[in-house]
Amino acid sequence: MWHELLVALALLLVIEGVLPFLAPSLMRRVLLEVAQQNNRSLRLSGLLSMLAGVAFLYLIN
């Protein structure tokens, strides 16, 4: 189980690093836009992201 968790964390880091590596100026603009969102919008996007992840895991397994 620990191996799979560490593999998932490694993949997360790879995926998170793609945008800043390929387009750093776009990443800055995205972060500025996110910083200007209100808490409710950020929570909703976080919830939707978690639900999509759970659904994807369900489909895979």
PDB file of N, CA and C in Angstrom:
ATOM      1  N   MET A   1       0.812  -1.194   0.000  1.00  0.00           N
ATOM      2  CA  MET A   1       0.000   0.000   0.000  1.00  0.00           C
ATOM      3  C   MET A   1       0.859   1.262   0.000  1.00  0.00           C
ATOM      4  N   TRP A   2       1.936   1.266   0.791  1.00  0.00           N
ATOM      5  CA  TRP A   2       2.782   2.455   0.841  1.00  0.00           C
ATOM      6  C   TRP A   2       3.429   2.722  -0.504  1.00  0.00           C
ATOM      7  N   HIS A   3       3.771   1.665  -1.202  1.00  0.00           N
ATOM      8  CA  HIS A   3       4.394   1.835  -2.515  1.00  0.00           C
ATOM      9  C   HIS A   3       3.458   2.563  -3.467  1.00  0.00           C
ATOM     10  N   GLU A   4       2.196   2.155  -3.502  1.00  0.00           N
ATOM     11  CA  GLU A   4       1.224   2.795  -4.387  1.00  0.00           C
ATOM     12  C   GLU A   4       0.994   4.247  -4.011  1.00  0.00           C
ATOM     13  N   LEU A   5       0.972   4.520  -2.727  1.00  0.00           N
ATOM     14  CA  LEU A   5       0.787   5.902  -2.273  1.00  0.00           C
ATOM     15  C   LEU A   5       1.964   6.775  -2.692  1.00  0.00           C
ATOM     16  N   LEU A   6       3.158   6.257  -2.563  1.00  0.00           N
ATOM     17  CA  LEU A   6       4.341   7.025  -2.969  1.00  0.00           C
ATOM     18  C   LEU A   6       4.400   7.202  -4.487  1.00  0.00           C
ATOM     19  N   VAL A   7       3.972   6.189  -5.227  1.00  0.00           N
ATOM     20  CA  VAL A   7       3.902   6.320  -6.692  1.00  0.00           C
ATOM     21  C   VAL A   7       2.893   7.405  -7.068  1.00  0.00           C
ATOM     22  N   ALA A   8       1.743   7.408  -6.401  1.00  0.00           N
ATOM     23  CA  ALA A   8       0.731   8.430  -6.674  1.00  0.00           C
ATOM     24  C   ALA A   8       1.257   9.823  -6.350  1.00  0.00           C
ATOM     25  N   LEU A   9       1.979   9.966  -5.243  1.00  0.00           N
ATOM     26  CA  LEU A   9       2.556  11.262  -4.880  1.00  0.00           C
ATOM     27  C   LEU A   9       3.590  11.700  -5.912  1.00  0.00           C
ATOM     28  N   ALA A  10       4.413  10.771  -6.368  1.00  0.00           N
ATOM     29  CA  ALA A  10       5.413  11.102  -7.388  1.00  0.00           C
ATOM     30  C   ALA A  10       4.749  11.554  -8.683  1.00  0.00           C
ATOM     31  N   LEU A  11       3.701  10.862  -9.097  1.00  0.00           N
ATOM     32  CA  LEU A  11       2.984  11.264 -10.305  1.00  0.00           C
ATOM     33  C   LEU A  11       2.331  12.630 -10.135  1.00  0.00           C
ATOM     34  N   LEU A  12       1.801  12.897  -8.955  1.00  0.00           N
ATOM     35  CA  LEU A  12       1.222  14.208  -8.680  1.00  0.00           C
ATOM     36  C   LEU A  12       2.264  15.306  -8.860  1.00  0.00           C
ATOM     37  N   LEU A  13       3.457  15.080  -8.331  1.00  0.00           N
ATOM     38  CA  LEU A  13       4.516  16.079  -8.457  1.00  0.00           C
ATOM     39  C   LEU A  13       4.933  16.275  -9.909  1.00  0.00           C
ATOM     40  N   VAL A  14       4.987  15.203 -10.677  1.00  0.00           N
ATOM     41  CA  VAL A  14       5.331  15.320 -12.100  1.00  0.00           C
ATOM     42  C   VAL A  14       4.267  16.136 -12.824  1.00  0.00           C
ATOM     43  N   ILE A  15       3.007  15.797 -12.593  1.00  0.00           N
ATOM     44  CA  ILE A  15       1.915  16.497 -13.278  1.00  0.00           C
ATOM     45  C   ILE A  15       1.857  17.966 -12.863  1.00  0.00           C
ATOM     46  N   GLU A  16       2.058  18.221 -11.566  1.00  0.00           N
ATOM     47  CA  GLU A  16       2.044  19.609 -11.089  1.00  0.00           C
ATOM     48  C   GLU A  16       3.183  20.429 -11.690  1.00  0.00           C
ATOM     49  N   GLY A  17       4.290  19.788 -12.014  1.00  0.00           N
ATOM     50  CA  GLY A  17       5.441  20.513 -12.535  1.00  0.00           C
ATOM     51  C   GLY A  17       5.413  20.779 -14.021  1.00  0.00           C
ATOM     52  N   VAL A  18       4.488  20.175 -14.741  1.00  0.00           N
ATOM     53  CA  VAL A  18       4.464  20.330 -16.206  1.00  0.00           C
ATOM     54  C   VAL A  18       4.163  21.770 -16.610  1.00  0.00           C
ATOM     55  N   LEU A  19       3.114  22.364 -16.060  1.00  0.00           N
ATOM     56  CA  LEU A  19       2.730  23.723 -16.470  1.00  0.00           C
ATOM     57  C   LEU A  19       3.807  24.761 -16.149  1.00  0.00           C
ATOM     58  N   PRO A  20       4.367  24.795 -14.938  1.00  0.00           N
ATOM     59  CA  PRO A  20       5.422  25.781 -14.697  1.00  0.00           C
ATOM     60  C   PRO A  20       6.658  25.565 -15.567  1.00  0.00           C
ATOM     61  N   PHE A  21       6.944  24.322 -15.915  1.00  0.00           N
ATOM     62  CA  PHE A  21       8.102  24.058 -16.763  1.00  0.00           C
ATOM     63  C   PHE A  21       7.868  24.515 -18.198  1.00  0.00           C
ATOM     64  N   LEU A  22       6.681  24.214 -18.731  1.00  0.00           N
ATOM     65  CA  LEU A  22       6.412  24.528 -20.134  1.00  0.00           C
ATOM     66  C   LEU A  22       6.015  25.984 -20.361  1.00  0.00           C
ATOM     67  N   ALA A  23       5.270  26.566 -19.425  1.00  0.00           N
ATOM     68  CA  ALA A  23       4.765  27.934 -19.621  1.00  0.00           C
ATOM     69  C   ALA A  23       4.750  28.687 -18.296  1.00  0.00           C
ATOM     70  N   PRO A  24       5.912  29.150 -17.837  1.00  0.00           N
ATOM     71  CA  PRO A  24       5.969  29.827 -16.538  1.00  0.00           C
ATOM     72  C   PRO A  24       5.147  31.120 -16.476  1.00  0.00           C
ATOM     73  N   SER A  25       5.077  31.855 -17.563  1.00  0.00           N
ATOM     74  CA  SER A  25       4.292  33.097 -17.530  1.00  0.00           C
ATOM     75  C   SER A  25       2.801  32.796 -17.423  1.00  0.00           C
ATOM     76  N   LEU A  26       2.343  31.748 -18.094  1.00  0.00           N
ATOM     77  CA  LEU A  26       0.947  31.330 -17.971  1.00  0.00           C
ATOM     78  C   LEU A  26       0.652  30.890 -16.536  1.00  0.00           C
ATOM     79  N   MET A  27       1.589  30.180 -15.933  1.00  0.00           N
ATOM     80  CA  MET A  27       1.416  29.728 -14.551  1.00  0.00           C
ATOM     81  C   MET A  27       1.262  30.918 -13.615  1.00  0.00           C
ATOM     82  N   ARG A  28       2.056  31.959 -13.825  1.00  0.00           N
ATOM     83  CA  ARG A  28       1.932  33.169 -12.996  1.00  0.00           C
ATOM     84  C   ARG A  28       0.542  33.796 -13.136  1.00  0.00           C
ATOM     85  N   ARG A  29       0.064  33.890 -14.381  1.00  0.00           N
ATOM     86  CA  ARG A  29      -1.260  34.482 -14.601  1.00  0.00           C
ATOM     87  C   ARG A  29      -2.349  33.645 -13.949  1.00  0.00           C
ATOM     88  N   VAL A  30      -2.234  32.329 -14.057  1.00  0.00           N
ATOM     89  CA  VAL A  30      -3.217  31.440 -13.438  1.00  0.00           C
ATOM     90  C   VAL A  30      -3.217  31.625 -11.918  1.00  0.00           C
ATOM     91  N   LEU A  31      -2.031  31.679 -11.327  1.00  0.00           N
ATOM     92  CA  LEU A  31      -1.948  31.856  -9.874  1.00  0.00           C
ATOM     93  C   LEU A  31      -2.506  33.209  -9.431  1.00  0.00           C
ATOM     94  N   LEU A  32      -2.286  34.235 -10.221  1.00  0.00           N
ATOM     95  CA  LEU A  32      -2.861  35.545  -9.890  1.00  0.00           C
ATOM     96  C   LEU A  32      -4.384  35.510  -9.949  1.00  0.00           C
ATOM     97  N   GLU A  33      -4.934  34.821 -10.938  1.00  0.00           N
ATOM     98  CA  GLU A  33      -6.388  34.685 -11.043  1.00  0.00           C
ATOM     99  C   GLU A  33      -6.947  33.901  -9.862  1.00  0.00           C
ATOM    100  N   VAL A  34      -6.271  32.830  -9.485  1.00  0.00           N
ATOM    101  CA  VAL A  34      -6.728  32.015  -8.351  1.00  0.00           C
ATOM    102  C   VAL A  34      -6.681  32.826  -7.062  1.00  0.00           C
ATOM    103  N   ALA A  35      -5.644  33.628  -6.897  1.00  0.00           N
ATOM    104  CA  ALA A  35      -5.508  34.437  -5.682  1.00  0.00           C
ATOM    105  C   ALA A  35      -6.630  35.462  -5.554  1.00  0.00           C
ATOM    106  N   GLN A  36      -7.236  35.856  -6.656  1.00  0.00           N
ATOM    107  CA  GLN A  36      -8.302  36.853  -6.620  1.00  0.00           C
ATOM    108  C   GLN A  36      -9.686  36.249  -6.431  1.00  0.00           C
ATOM    109  N   GLN A  37      -9.793  34.926  -6.462  1.00  0.00           N
ATOM    110  CA  GLN A  37     -11.089  34.289  -6.265  1.00  0.00           C
ATOM    111  C   GLN A  37     -11.483  34.346  -4.791  1.00  0.00           C
ATOM    112  N   ASN A  38     -12.793  34.337  -4.558  1.00  0.00           N
ATOM    113  CA  ASN A  38     -13.243  34.331  -3.171  1.00  0.00           C
ATOM    114  C   ASN A  38     -13.165  32.908  -2.603  1.00  0.00           C
ATOM    115  N   ASN A  39     -13.297  32.794  -1.283  1.00  0.00           N
ATOM    116  CA  ASN A  39     -13.158  31.500  -0.614  1.00  0.00           C
ATOM    117  C   ASN A  39     -14.180  30.484  -1.098  1.00  0.00           C
ATOM    118  N   ARG A  40     -15.387  30.929  -1.356  1.00  0.00           N
ATOM    119  CA  ARG A  40     -16.439  29.994  -1.783  1.00  0.00           C
ATOM    120  C   ARG A  40     -16.092  29.361  -3.121  1.00  0.00           C
ATOM    121  N   SER A  41     -15.590  30.156  -4.049  1.00  0.00           N
ATOM    122  CA  SER A  41     -15.205  29.630  -5.362  1.00  0.00           C
ATOM    123  C   SER A  41     -14.052  28.634  -5.247  1.00  0.00           C
ATOM    124  N   LEU A  42     -13.072  28.950  -4.392  1.00  0.00           N
ATOM    125  CA  LEU A  42     -11.949  28.038  -4.209  1.00  0.00           C
ATOM    126  C   LEU A  42     -12.398  26.732  -3.574  1.00  0.00           C
ATOM    127  N   ARG A  43     -13.288  26.824  -2.588  1.00  0.00           N
ATOM    128  CA  ARG A  43     -13.797  25.609  -1.954  1.00  0.00           C
ATOM    129  C   ARG A  43     -14.585  24.757  -2.945  1.00  0.00           C
ATOM    130  N   LEU A  44     -15.392  25.408  -3.765  1.00  0.00           N
ATOM    131  CA  LEU A  44     -16.179  24.673  -4.748  1.00  0.00           C
ATOM    132  C   LEU A  44     -15.276  23.987  -5.767  1.00  0.00           C
ATOM    133  N   SER A  45     -14.257  24.673  -6.238  1.00  0.00           N
ATOM    134  CA  SER A  45     -13.345  24.051  -7.201  1.00  0.00           C
ATOM    135  C   SER A  45     -12.560  22.915  -6.542  1.00  0.00           C
ATOM    136  N   GLY A  46     -12.193  23.075  -5.278  1.00  0.00           N
ATOM    137  CA  GLY A  46     -11.526  21.991  -4.556  1.00  0.00           C
ATOM    138  C   GLY A  46     -12.429  20.794  -4.389  1.00  0.00           C
ATOM    139  N   LEU A  47     -13.696  21.028  -4.054  1.00  0.00           N
ATOM    140  CA  LEU A  47     -14.657  19.941  -3.901  1.00  0.00           C
ATOM    141  C   LEU A  47     -14.857  19.202  -5.219  1.00  0.00           C
ATOM    142  N   LEU A  48     -15.026  19.957  -6.293  1.00  0.00           N
ATOM    143  CA  LEU A  48     -15.211  19.330  -7.603  1.00  0.00           C
ATOM    144  C   LEU A  48     -13.982  18.519  -8.017  1.00  0.00           C
ATOM    145  N   SER A  49     -12.814  19.028  -7.700  1.00  0.00           N
ATOM    146  CA  SER A  49     -11.588  18.308  -8.009  1.00  0.00           C
ATOM    147  C   SER A  49     -11.506  17.004  -7.217  1.00  0.00           C
ATOM    148  N   MET A  50     -11.840  17.053  -5.941  1.00  0.00           N
ATOM    149  CA  MET A  50     -11.823  15.836  -5.127  1.00  0.00           C
ATOM    150  C   MET A  50     -12.843  14.820  -5.620  1.00  0.00           C
ATOM    151  N   LEU A  51     -14.043  15.281  -5.957  1.00  0.00           N
ATOM    152  CA  LEU A  51     -15.073  14.370  -6.454  1.00  0.00           C
ATOM    153  C   LEU A  51     -14.662  13.737  -7.778  1.00  0.00           C
ATOM    154  N   ALA A  52     -14.032  14.516  -8.648  1.00  0.00           N
ATOM    155  CA  ALA A  52     -13.548  13.974  -9.917  1.00  0.00           C
ATOM    156  C   ALA A  52     -12.460  12.933  -9.661  1.00  0.00           C
ATOM    157  N   GLY A  53     -11.588  13.190  -8.707  1.00  0.00           N
ATOM    158  CA  GLY A  53     -10.544  12.224  -8.369  1.00  0.00           C
ATOM    159  C   GLY A  53     -11.113  10.931  -7.814  1.00  0.00           C
ATOM    160  N   VAL A  54     -12.103  11.049  -6.940  1.00  0.00           N
ATOM    161  CA  VAL A  54     -12.738   9.852  -6.378  1.00  0.00           C
ATOM    162  C   VAL A  54     -13.449   9.068  -7.475  1.00  0.00           C
ATOM    163  N   ALA A  55     -14.144   9.757  -8.363  1.00  0.00           N
ATOM    164  CA  ALA A  55     -14.842   9.078  -9.462  1.00  0.00           C
ATOM    165  C   ALA A  55     -13.829   8.381 -10.380  1.00  0.00           C
ATOM    166  N   PHE A  56     -12.732   9.030 -10.652  1.00  0.00           N
ATOM    167  CA  PHE A  56     -11.695   8.433 -11.504  1.00  0.00           C
ATOM    168  C   PHE A  56     -11.105   7.185 -10.847  1.00  0.00           C
ATOM    169  N   LEU A  57     -10.828   7.267  -9.534  1.00  0.00           N
ATOM    170  CA  LEU A  57     -10.339   6.103  -8.820  1.00  0.00           C
ATOM    171  C   LEU A  57     -11.338   4.963  -8.850  1.00  0.00           C
ATOM    172  N   TYR A  58     -12.605   5.293  -8.710  1.00  0.00           N
ATOM    173  CA  TYR A  58     -13.664   4.273  -8.750  1.00  0.00           C
ATOM    174  C   TYR A  58     -13.693   3.585 -10.117  1.00  0.00           C
ATOM    175  N   LEU A  59     -13.570   4.377 -11.179  1.00  0.00           N
ATOM    176  CA  LEU A  59     -13.577   3.809 -12.528  1.00  0.00           C
ATOM    177  C   LEU A  59     -12.351   2.942 -12.800  1.00  0.00           C
ATOM    178  N   ILE A  60     -11.219   3.347 -12.283  1.00  0.00           N
ATOM    179  CA  ILE A  60      -9.990   2.592 -12.497  1.00  0.00           C
ATOM    180  C   ILE A  60     -10.033   1.257 -11.763  1.00  0.00           C
ATOM    181  N   ASN A  61     -10.509   1.297 -10.548  1.00  0.00           N
ATOM    182  CA  ASN A  61     -10.547   0.060  -9.742  1.00  0.00           C
ATOM    183  C   ASN A  61     -11.881  -0.572  -9.944  1.00  0.00           C
TER     184      ASN A  61
END
